[in-house]
Amino acid sequence: MPLIQSAMALRTVSIQQSPSLAEVVDEGLEQIQEKNNVGQKLHNSTAFHGWVDKNAAWSTDI
């Protein structure tokens, strides 16, 4: 019986120390949002628009 109780206690401790699924999902969504924000900043930057305008003009010359 003590072995079973020890195994149950170990499982309980490991569950308490591991992050919940909700925490893991929240962290993943935060990372995705940060990447989206960086992408939006790049897309809205004048350097990006200048590169697009230059390449768009080049592609219409063909």
Protein backbone atom coordinates (compact mmCIF):
# COMPACT_ATOMS: atom_id res chain seq x y z
CA MET A 1 0.00 0.00 0.00
CA PRO A 2 2.74 2.57 0.72
CA LEU A 3 4.07 2.13 -2.85
CA ILE A 4 0.68 2.99 -4.33
CA GLN A 5 0.35 6.03 -2.05
CA SER A 6 3.84 7.17 -3.06
CA ALA A 7 3.00 6.85 -6.74
CA MET A 8 -0.22 8.80 -6.25
CA ALA A 9 1.59 11.50 -4.29
CA LEU A 10 4.26 11.77 -7.00
CA ARG A 11 1.60 12.05 -9.69
CA THR A 12 -0.22 14.74 -7.70
CA VAL A 13 2.97 16.77 -7.26
CA SER A 14 3.88 16.49 -10.95
CA ILE A 15 0.39 17.61 -11.99
CA GLN A 16 0.54 20.60 -9.64
CA GLN A 17 3.95 21.66 -10.95
CA SER A 18 3.16 21.32 -14.64
CA PRO A 19 1.33 24.17 -16.35
CA SER A 20 -2.33 23.67 -17.12
CA LEU A 21 -3.50 23.28 -20.70
CA ALA A 22 -5.11 26.73 -20.51
CA GLU A 23 -1.77 28.28 -19.49
CA VAL A 24 0.03 26.52 -22.34
CA VAL A 25 -2.60 27.66 -24.85
CA ASP A 26 -2.52 31.24 -23.51
CA GLU A 27 1.27 31.35 -23.83
CA GLY A 28 1.10 30.02 -27.37
CA LEU A 29 -1.51 32.58 -28.36
CA GLU A 30 0.56 35.39 -26.83
CA GLN A 31 3.57 34.32 -28.91
CA ILE A 32 1.45 34.25 -32.06
CA GLN A 33 0.08 37.72 -31.28
CA GLU A 34 3.62 39.07 -30.78
CA LYS A 35 4.67 37.66 -34.17
CA ASN A 36 1.58 39.19 -35.79
CA ASN A 37 2.39 42.57 -34.26
CA VAL A 38 5.93 42.42 -35.66
CA GLY A 39 4.55 41.48 -39.08
CA GLN A 40 2.06 44.35 -39.01
CA LYS A 41 4.79 46.81 -38.05
CA LEU A 42 6.92 45.58 -40.96
CA HIS A 43 3.99 45.75 -43.36
CA ASN A 44 3.16 49.30 -42.27
CA SER A 45 6.76 50.53 -42.42
CA THR A 46 7.73 52.95 -45.18
CA ALA A 47 10.71 50.79 -46.14
CA PHE A 48 8.38 47.88 -46.87
CA HIS A 49 6.03 50.06 -48.92
CA GLY A 50 8.97 51.44 -50.87
CA TRP A 51 10.18 47.91 -51.64
CA VAL A 52 6.69 46.85 -52.75
CA ASP A 53 6.22 49.95 -54.90
CA LYS A 54 9.61 49.45 -56.54
CA ASN A 55 8.98 45.78 -57.27
CA ALA A 56 5.41 46.41 -58.39
CA ALA A 57 6.68 48.96 -60.89
CA TRP A 58 9.33 46.50 -62.06
CA SER A 59 6.78 43.74 -62.62
CA THR A 60 4.57 46.00 -64.80
CA ASP A 61 7.53 46.86 -67.05
CA ILE A 62 7.65 43.32 -68.45
